[in-house]
Amino acid sequence: DISEAKEIHAQLDALFELLSDKRKKKIKNEFE
């Protein structure tokens, strides 16, 4: 079902955001 696929895609996006937050903070601190 398309809604199931969209739900998994949203979970992958959430995971990506969770992992990329640390990376963004690290890069920001390096430039500061």
PDB file of all heavy atoms in Angstrom:
ATOM      1  N   ASP A   1       0.847  -1.179   0.000  1.00  0.00           N
ATOM      2  CA  ASP A   1       0.000   0.000   0.000  1.00  0.00           C
ATOM      3  C   ASP A   1       0.890   1.240   0.000  1.00  0.00           C
ATOM      4  O   ASP A   1       1.904   1.288   0.689  1.00  0.00           O
ATOM      5  CB  ASP A   1      -0.901  -0.025   1.241  1.00  0.00           C
ATOM      6  CG  ASP A   1      -1.879   1.123   1.263  1.00  0.00           C
ATOM      7  OD1 ASP A   1      -2.514   1.374   0.220  1.00  0.00           O
ATOM      8  OD2 ASP A   1      -2.000   1.766   2.322  1.00  0.00           O
ATOM      9  N   ILE A   2       0.491   2.248  -0.756  1.00  0.00           N
ATOM     10  CA  ILE A   2       1.306   3.459  -0.873  1.00  0.00           C
ATOM     11  C   ILE A   2       1.495   4.147   0.474  1.00  0.00           C
ATOM     12  O   ILE A   2       2.563   4.708   0.739  1.00  0.00           O
ATOM     13  CB  ILE A   2       0.714   4.433  -1.922  1.00  0.00           C
ATOM     14  CG1 ILE A   2       1.687   5.587  -2.228  1.00  0.00           C
ATOM     15  CG2 ILE A   2      -0.599   5.001  -1.456  1.00  0.00           C
ATOM     16  CD1 ILE A   2       2.869   5.175  -2.999  1.00  0.00           C
ATOM     17  N   SER A   3       0.503   4.075   1.341  1.00  0.00           N
ATOM     18  CA  SER A   3       0.639   4.712   2.658  1.00  0.00           C
ATOM     19  C   SER A   3       1.714   4.018   3.491  1.00  0.00           C
ATOM     20  O   SER A   3       2.435   4.669   4.251  1.00  0.00           O
ATOM     21  CB  SER A   3      -0.695   4.728   3.404  1.00  0.00           C
ATOM     22  OG  SER A   3      -1.142   3.420   3.649  1.00  0.00           O
ATOM     23  N   GLU A   4       1.850   2.701   3.353  1.00  0.00           N
ATOM     24  CA  GLU A   4       2.901   1.973   4.061  1.00  0.00           C
ATOM     25  C   GLU A   4       4.281   2.404   3.565  1.00  0.00           C
ATOM     26  O   GLU A   4       5.206   2.599   4.357  1.00  0.00           O
ATOM     27  CB  GLU A   4       2.731   0.472   3.878  1.00  0.00           C
ATOM     28  CG  GLU A   4       1.517  -0.111   4.565  1.00  0.00           C
ATOM     29  CD  GLU A   4       1.339  -1.593   4.269  1.00  0.00           C
ATOM     30  OE1 GLU A   4       2.230  -2.203   3.654  1.00  0.00           O
ATOM     31  OE2 GLU A   4       0.296  -2.126   4.670  1.00  0.00           O
ATOM     32  N   ALA A   5       4.405   2.550   2.244  1.00  0.00           N
ATOM     33  CA  ALA A   5       5.681   2.977   1.674  1.00  0.00           C
ATOM     34  C   ALA A   5       6.020   4.400   2.128  1.00  0.00           C
ATOM     35  O   ALA A   5       7.169   4.697   2.459  1.00  0.00           O
ATOM     36  CB  ALA A   5       5.625   2.896   0.151  1.00  0.00           C
ATOM     37  N   LYS A   6       5.017   5.266   2.174  1.00  0.00           N
ATOM     38  CA  LYS A   6       5.240   6.645   2.623  1.00  0.00           C
ATOM     39  C   LYS A   6       5.642   6.685   4.097  1.00  0.00           C
ATOM     40  O   LYS A   6       6.476   7.495   4.500  1.00  0.00           O
ATOM     41  CB  LYS A   6       3.992   7.493   2.399  1.00  0.00           C
ATOM     42  CG  LYS A   6       3.768   7.848   0.943  1.00  0.00           C
ATOM     43  CD  LYS A   6       2.537   8.711   0.779  1.00  0.00           C
ATOM     44  CE  LYS A   6       2.333   9.076  -0.673  1.00  0.00           C
ATOM     45  NZ  LYS A   6       1.135   9.923  -0.858  1.00  0.00           N
ATOM     46  N   GLU A   7       5.061   5.801   4.894  1.00  0.00           N
ATOM     47  CA  GLU A   7       5.396   5.748   6.316  1.00  0.00           C
ATOM     48  C   GLU A   7       6.859   5.352   6.515  1.00  0.00           C
ATOM     49  O   GLU A   7       7.572   5.940   7.321  1.00  0.00           O
ATOM     50  CB  GLU A   7       4.479   4.759   7.034  1.00  0.00           C
ATOM     51  CG  GLU A   7       4.712   4.683   8.517  1.00  0.00           C
ATOM     52  CD  GLU A   7       3.787   3.697   9.196  1.00  0.00           C
ATOM     53  OE1 GLU A   7       2.654   3.491   8.716  1.00  0.00           O
ATOM     54  OE2 GLU A   7       4.211   3.123  10.207  1.00  0.00           O
ATOM     55  N   ILE A   8       7.301   4.376   5.766  1.00  0.00           N
ATOM     56  CA  ILE A   8       8.700   3.950   5.869  1.00  0.00           C
ATOM     57  C   ILE A   8       9.626   5.056   5.372  1.00  0.00           C
ATOM     58  O   ILE A   8      10.668   5.311   5.968  1.00  0.00           O
ATOM     59  CB  ILE A   8       8.932   2.632   5.110  1.00  0.00           C
ATOM     60  CG1 ILE A   8       8.221   1.510   5.858  1.00  0.00           C
ATOM     61  CG2 ILE A   8      10.414   2.330   4.971  1.00  0.00           C
ATOM     62  CD1 ILE A   8       8.323   0.172   5.233  1.00  0.00           C
ATOM     63  N   HIS A   9       9.221   5.724   4.311  1.00  0.00           N
ATOM     64  CA  HIS A   9      10.025   6.838   3.806  1.00  0.00           C
ATOM     65  C   HIS A   9      10.143   7.927   4.871  1.00  0.00           C
ATOM     66  O   HIS A   9      11.229   8.492   5.073  1.00  0.00           O
ATOM     67  CB  HIS A   9       9.395   7.395   2.533  1.00  0.00           C
ATOM     68  CG  HIS A   9      10.229   8.422   1.870  1.00  0.00           C
ATOM     69  ND1 HIS A   9      10.084   9.755   2.113  1.00  0.00           N
ATOM     70  CD2 HIS A   9      11.247   8.308   0.979  1.00  0.00           C
ATOM     71  CE1 HIS A   9      10.963  10.432   1.402  1.00  0.00           C
ATOM     72  NE2 HIS A   9      11.690   9.576   0.710  1.00  0.00           N
ATOM     73  N   ALA A  10       9.068   8.215   5.572  1.00  0.00           N
ATOM     74  CA  ALA A  10       9.095   9.214   6.644  1.00  0.00           C
ATOM     75  C   ALA A  10      10.033   8.774   7.764  1.00  0.00           C
ATOM     76  O   ALA A  10      10.757   9.596   8.344  1.00  0.00           O
ATOM     77  CB  ALA A  10       7.684   9.445   7.182  1.00  0.00           C
ATOM     78  N   GLN A  11      10.023   7.474   8.086  1.00  0.00           N
ATOM     79  CA  GLN A  11      10.932   6.956   9.115  1.00  0.00           C
ATOM     80  C   GLN A  11      12.393   7.110   8.683  1.00  0.00           C
ATOM     81  O   GLN A  11      13.246   7.460   9.494  1.00  0.00           O
ATOM     82  CB  GLN A  11      10.631   5.482   9.411  1.00  0.00           C
ATOM     83  CG  GLN A  11       9.377   5.270  10.195  1.00  0.00           C
ATOM     84  CD  GLN A  11       9.539   5.746  11.621  1.00  0.00           C
ATOM     85  OE1 GLN A  11      10.572   5.565  12.245  1.00  0.00           O
ATOM     86  NE2 GLN A  11       8.503   6.364  12.138  1.00  0.00           N
ATOM     87  N   LEU A  12      12.669   6.850   7.413  1.00  0.00           N
ATOM     88  CA  LEU A  12      14.032   7.022   6.911  1.00  0.00           C
ATOM     89  C   LEU A  12      14.441   8.493   6.965  1.00  0.00           C
ATOM     90  O   LEU A  12      15.584   8.812   7.301  1.00  0.00           O
ATOM     91  CB  LEU A  12      14.145   6.484   5.484  1.00  0.00           C
ATOM     92  CG  LEU A  12      14.144   4.969   5.355  1.00  0.00           C
ATOM     93  CD1 LEU A  12      14.013   4.562   3.896  1.00  0.00           C
ATOM     94  CD2 LEU A  12      15.405   4.381   5.958  1.00  0.00           C
ATOM     95  N   ASP A  13      13.511   9.396   6.631  1.00  0.00           N
ATOM     96  CA  ASP A  13      13.804  10.828   6.735  1.00  0.00           C
ATOM     97  C   ASP A  13      14.105  11.224   8.174  1.00  0.00           C
ATOM     98  O   ASP A  13      15.028  11.996   8.432  1.00  0.00           O
ATOM     99  CB  ASP A  13      12.625  11.667   6.214  1.00  0.00           C
ATOM    100  CG  ASP A  13      12.586  11.735   4.703  1.00  0.00           C
ATOM    101  OD1 ASP A  13      13.612  11.437   4.055  1.00  0.00           O
ATOM    102  OD2 ASP A  13      11.518  12.108   4.172  1.00  0.00           O
ATOM    103  N   ALA A  14      13.319  10.708   9.113  1.00  0.00           N
ATOM    104  CA  ALA A  14      13.530  11.023  10.524  1.00  0.00           C
ATOM    105  C   ALA A  14      14.898  10.520  10.983  1.00  0.00           C
ATOM    106  O   ALA A  14      15.611  11.208  11.715  1.00  0.00           O
ATOM    107  CB  ALA A  14      12.426  10.407  11.378  1.00  0.00           C
ATOM    108  N   LEU A  15      15.256   9.342  10.543  1.00  0.00           N
ATOM    109  CA  LEU A  15      16.566   8.783  10.899  1.00  0.00           C
ATOM    110  C   LEU A  15      17.685   9.618  10.301  1.00  0.00           C
ATOM    111  O   LEU A  15      18.673   9.925  10.965  1.00  0.00           O
ATOM    112  CB  LEU A  15      16.659   7.336  10.422  1.00  0.00           C
ATOM    113  CG  LEU A  15      17.936   6.598  10.740  1.00  0.00           C
ATOM    114  CD1 LEU A  15      18.174   6.544  12.236  1.00  0.00           C
ATOM    115  CD2 LEU A  15      17.872   5.191  10.164  1.00  0.00           C
ATOM    116  N   PHE A  16      17.515  10.018   9.054  1.00  0.00           N
ATOM    117  CA  PHE A  16      18.520  10.865   8.409  1.00  0.00           C
ATOM    118  C   PHE A  16      18.688  12.179   9.161  1.00  0.00           C
ATOM    119  O   PHE A  16      19.808  12.624   9.404  1.00  0.00           O
ATOM    120  CB  PHE A  16      18.130  11.135   6.953  1.00  0.00           C
ATOM    121  CG  PHE A  16      19.058  12.076   6.265  1.00  0.00           C
ATOM    122  CD1 PHE A  16      20.312  11.660   5.858  1.00  0.00           C
ATOM    123  CD2 PHE A  16      18.689  13.391   6.041  1.00  0.00           C
ATOM    124  CE1 PHE A  16      21.183  12.536   5.235  1.00  0.00           C
ATOM    125  CE2 PHE A  16      19.559  14.271   5.424  1.00  0.00           C
ATOM    126  CZ  PHE A  16      20.802  13.844   5.018  1.00  0.00           C
ATOM    127  N   GLU A  17      17.580  12.802   9.540  1.00  0.00           N
ATOM    128  CA  GLU A  17      17.644  14.057  10.289  1.00  0.00           C
ATOM    129  C   GLU A  17      18.342  13.860  11.631  1.00  0.00           C
ATOM    130  O   GLU A  17      19.140  14.689  12.051  1.00  0.00           O
ATOM    131  CB  GLU A  17      16.241  14.632  10.512  1.00  0.00           C
ATOM    132  CG  GLU A  17      15.616  15.199   9.267  1.00  0.00           C
ATOM    133  CD  GLU A  17      16.403  16.362   8.685  1.00  0.00           C
ATOM    134  OE1 GLU A  17      16.869  17.223   9.460  1.00  0.00           O
ATOM    135  OE2 GLU A  17      16.550  16.395   7.454  1.00  0.00           O
ATOM    136  N   LEU A  18      18.023  12.770  12.288  1.00  0.00           N
ATOM    137  CA  LEU A  18      18.642  12.479  13.571  1.00  0.00           C
ATOM    138  C   LEU A  18      20.154  12.352  13.425  1.00  0.00           C
ATOM    139  O   LEU A  18      20.920  12.885  14.229  1.00  0.00           O
ATOM    140  CB  LEU A  18      18.055  11.189  14.143  1.00  0.00           C
ATOM    141  CG  LEU A  18      18.554  10.734  15.495  1.00  0.00           C
ATOM    142  CD1 LEU A  18      18.082  11.709  16.566  1.00  0.00           C
ATOM    143  CD2 LEU A  18      18.035   9.351  15.799  1.00  0.00           C
ATOM    144  N   LEU A  19      20.580  11.671  12.401  1.00  0.00           N
ATOM    145  CA  LEU A  19      22.008  11.470  12.181  1.00  0.00           C
ATOM    146  C   LEU A  19      22.694  12.712  11.636  1.00  0.00           C
ATOM    147  O   LEU A  19      23.839  12.983  11.960  1.00  0.00           O
ATOM    148  CB  LEU A  19      22.237  10.297  11.224  1.00  0.00           C
ATOM    149  CG  LEU A  19      21.827   8.935  11.762  1.00  0.00           C
ATOM    150  CD1 LEU A  19      21.944   7.880  10.677  1.00  0.00           C
ATOM    151  CD2 LEU A  19      22.653   8.562  12.967  1.00  0.00           C
ATOM    152  N   SER A  20      21.999  13.490  10.823  1.00  0.00           N
ATOM    153  CA  SER A  20      22.633  14.659  10.213  1.00  0.00           C
ATOM    154  C   SER A  20      22.704  15.835  11.179  1.00  0.00           C
ATOM    155  O   SER A  20      23.532  16.723  10.997  1.00  0.00           O
ATOM    156  CB  SER A  20      21.909  15.069   8.936  1.00  0.00           C
ATOM    157  OG  SER A  20      20.598  15.488   9.217  1.00  0.00           O
ATOM    158  N   ASP A  21      21.891  15.877  12.220  1.00  0.00           N
ATOM    159  CA  ASP A  21      21.946  16.955  13.206  1.00  0.00           C
ATOM    160  C   ASP A  21      23.325  17.031  13.843  1.00  0.00           C
ATOM    161  O   ASP A  21      23.896  18.101  13.977  1.00  0.00           O
ATOM    162  CB  ASP A  21      20.897  16.763  14.309  1.00  0.00           C
ATOM    163  CG  ASP A  21      19.522  17.199  13.872  1.00  0.00           C
ATOM    164  OD1 ASP A  21      19.417  17.873  12.831  1.00  0.00           O
ATOM    165  OD2 ASP A  21      18.559  16.867  14.573  1.00  0.00           O
ATOM    166  N   LYS A  22      23.866  15.905  14.231  1.00  0.00           N
ATOM    167  CA  LYS A  22      25.183  15.875  14.878  1.00  0.00           C
ATOM    168  C   LYS A  22      26.244  16.364  13.899  1.00  0.00           C
ATOM    169  O   LYS A  22      27.130  17.123  14.264  1.00  0.00           O
ATOM    170  CB  LYS A  22      25.500  14.470  15.362  1.00  0.00           C
ATOM    171  CG  LYS A  22      26.821  14.384  16.085  1.00  0.00           C
ATOM    172  CD  LYS A  22      27.069  13.020  16.631  1.00  0.00           C
ATOM    173  CE  LYS A  22      28.377  12.994  17.392  1.00  0.00           C
ATOM    174  NZ  LYS A  22      28.668  11.690  17.943  1.00  0.00           N
ATOM    175  N   ARG A  23      26.122  15.940  12.661  1.00  0.00           N
ATOM    176  CA  ARG A  23      27.102  16.328  11.649  1.00  0.00           C
ATOM    177  C   ARG A  23      27.052  17.835  11.404  1.00  0.00           C
ATOM    178  O   ARG A  23      28.074  18.483  11.278  1.00  0.00           O
ATOM    179  CB  ARG A  23      26.817  15.560  10.371  1.00  0.00           C
ATOM    180  CG  ARG A  23      27.846  15.748   9.309  1.00  0.00           C
ATOM    181  CD  ARG A  23      27.569  14.855   8.148  1.00  0.00           C
ATOM    182  NE  ARG A  23      28.644  14.969   7.193  1.00  0.00           N
ATOM    183  CZ  ARG A  23      28.647  14.423   6.024  1.00  0.00           C
ATOM    184  NH1 ARG A  23      27.635  13.694   5.647  1.00  0.00           N
ATOM    185  NH2 ARG A  23      29.650  14.570   5.201  1.00  0.00           N
ATOM    186  N   LYS A  24      25.837  18.401  11.321  1.00  0.00           N
ATOM    187  CA  LYS A  24      25.687  19.839  11.102  1.00  0.00           C
ATOM    188  C   LYS A  24      26.294  20.621  12.255  1.00  0.00           C
ATOM    189  O   LYS A  24      26.970  21.621  12.045  1.00  0.00           O
ATOM    190  CB  LYS A  24      24.212  20.210  10.951  1.00  0.00           C
ATOM    191  CG  LYS A  24      23.605  19.786   9.651  1.00  0.00           C
ATOM    192  CD  LYS A  24      22.130  20.159   9.611  1.00  0.00           C
ATOM    193  CE  LYS A  24      21.446  19.582   8.403  1.00  0.00           C
ATOM    194  NZ  LYS A  24      20.014  19.854   8.391  1.00  0.00           N
ATOM    195  N   LYS A  25      26.053  20.167  13.483  1.00  0.00           N
ATOM    196  CA  LYS A  25      26.594  20.844  14.653  1.00  0.00           C
ATOM    197  C   LYS A  25      28.118  20.809  14.635  1.00  0.00           C
ATOM    198  O   LYS A  25      28.776  21.792  14.950  1.00  0.00           O
ATOM    199  CB  LYS A  25      26.065  20.209  15.932  1.00  0.00           C
ATOM    200  CG  LYS A  25      24.617  20.505  16.202  1.00  0.00           C
ATOM    201  CD  LYS A  25      24.141  19.797  17.456  1.00  0.00           C
ATOM    202  CE  LYS A  25      22.655  19.969  17.647  1.00  0.00           C
ATOM    203  NZ  LYS A  25      22.158  19.204  18.790  1.00  0.00           N
ATOM    204  N   LYS A  26      28.679  19.666  14.268  1.00  0.00           N
ATOM    205  CA  LYS A  26      30.127  19.518  14.239  1.00  0.00           C
ATOM    206  C   LYS A  26      30.731  20.462  13.197  1.00  0.00           C
ATOM    207  O   LYS A  26      31.712  21.152  13.459  1.00  0.00           O
ATOM    208  CB  LYS A  26      30.498  18.072  13.918  1.00  0.00           C
ATOM    209  CG  LYS A  26      31.976  17.790  13.953  1.00  0.00           C
ATOM    210  CD  LYS A  26      32.252  16.324  13.692  1.00  0.00           C
ATOM    211  CE  LYS A  26      33.736  16.032  13.751  1.00  0.00           C
ATOM    212  NZ  LYS A  26      34.024  14.642  13.465  1.00  0.00           N
ATOM    213  N   ILE A  27      30.130  20.528  12.015  1.00  0.00           N
ATOM    214  CA  ILE A  27      30.625  21.401  10.951  1.00  0.00           C
ATOM    215  C   ILE A  27      30.483  22.857  11.369  1.00  0.00           C
ATOM    216  O   ILE A  27      31.398  23.659  11.185  1.00  0.00           O
ATOM    217  CB  ILE A  27      29.876  21.127   9.626  1.00  0.00           C
ATOM    218  CG1 ILE A  27      30.267  19.748   9.084  1.00  0.00           C
ATOM    219  CG2 ILE A  27      30.188  22.200   8.599  1.00  0.00           C
ATOM    220  CD1 ILE A  27      29.442  19.277   7.918  1.00  0.00           C
ATOM    221  N   LYS A  28      29.350  23.203  11.977  1.00  0.00           N
ATOM    222  CA  LYS A  28      29.122  24.572  12.426  1.00  0.00           C
ATOM    223  C   LYS A  28      30.171  24.975  13.459  1.00  0.00           C
ATOM    224  O   LYS A  28      30.733  26.073  13.393  1.00  0.00           O
ATOM    225  CB  LYS A  28      27.724  24.706  13.021  1.00  0.00           C
ATOM    226  CG  LYS A  28      27.364  26.106  13.430  1.00  0.00           C
ATOM    227  CD  LYS A  28      25.966  26.162  13.988  1.00  0.00           C
ATOM    228  CE  LYS A  28      25.637  27.563  14.474  1.00  0.00           C
ATOM    229  NZ  LYS A  28      24.317  27.629  15.089  1.00  0.00           N
ATOM    230  N   ASN A  29      30.462  24.093  14.396  1.00  0.00           N
ATOM    231  CA  ASN A  29      31.469  24.383  15.428  1.00  0.00           C
ATOM    232  C   ASN A  29      32.856  24.565  14.816  1.00  0.00           C
ATOM    233  O   ASN A  29      33.628  25.402  15.264  1.00  0.00           O
ATOM    234  CB  ASN A  29      31.500  23.280  16.472  1.00  0.00           C
ATOM    235  CG  ASN A  29      30.288  23.326  17.384  1.00  0.00           C
ATOM    236  OD1 ASN A  29      29.631  24.358  17.500  1.00  0.00           O
ATOM    237  ND2 ASN A  29      29.994  22.210  18.008  1.00  0.00           N
ATOM    238  N   GLU A  30      33.174  23.802  13.795  1.00  0.00           N
ATOM    239  CA  GLU A  30      34.477  23.935  13.157  1.00  0.00           C
ATOM    240  C   GLU A  30      34.623  25.287  12.492  1.00  0.00           C
ATOM    241  O   GLU A  30      35.677  25.911  12.538  1.00  0.00           O
ATOM    242  CB  GLU A  30      34.677  22.809  12.147  1.00  0.00           C
ATOM    243  CG  GLU A  30      34.909  21.453  12.774  1.00  0.00           C
ATOM    244  CD  GLU A  30      35.000  20.333  11.769  1.00  0.00           C
ATOM    245  OE1 GLU A  30      34.966  20.613  10.550  1.00  0.00           O
ATOM    246  OE2 GLU A  30      35.119  19.177  12.201  1.00  0.00           O
ATOM    247  N   PHE A  31      33.554  25.782  11.861  1.00  0.00           N
ATOM    248  CA  PHE A  31      33.617  27.068  11.186  1.00  0.00           C
ATOM    249  C   PHE A  31      33.598  28.233  12.166  1.00  0.00           C
ATOM    250  O   PHE A  31      34.102  29.310  11.857  1.00  0.00           O
ATOM    251  CB  PHE A  31      32.477  27.218  10.167  1.00  0.00           C
ATOM    252  CG  PHE A  31      32.709  26.436   8.915  1.00  0.00           C
ATOM    253  CD1 PHE A  31      31.903  25.365   8.584  1.00  0.00           C
ATOM    254  CD2 PHE A  31      33.755  26.760   8.054  1.00  0.00           C
ATOM    255  CE1 PHE A  31      32.112  24.651   7.423  1.00  0.00           C
ATOM    256  CE2 PHE A  31      33.980  26.042   6.912  1.00  0.00           C
ATOM    257  CZ  PHE A  31      33.168  24.987   6.574  1.00  0.00           C
ATOM    258  N   GLU A  32      33.034  28.037  13.335  1.00  0.00           N
ATOM    259  CA  GLU A  32      33.006  29.102  14.339  1.00  0.00           C
ATOM    260  C   GLU A  32      34.399  29.372  14.893  1.00  0.00           C
ATOM    261  O   GLU A  32      34.671  30.452  15.407  1.00  0.00           O
ATOM    262  CB  GLU A  32      32.046  28.741  15.476  1.00  0.00           C
ATOM    263  CG  GLU A  32      30.603  28.861  15.081  1.00  0.00           C
ATOM    264  CD  GLU A  32      29.651  28.426  16.172  1.00  0.00           C
ATOM    265  OE1 GLU A  32      30.116  27.868  17.197  1.00  0.00           O
ATOM    266  OE2 GLU A  32      28.441  28.625  16.016  1.00  0.00           O
TER     267      GLU A  32
END
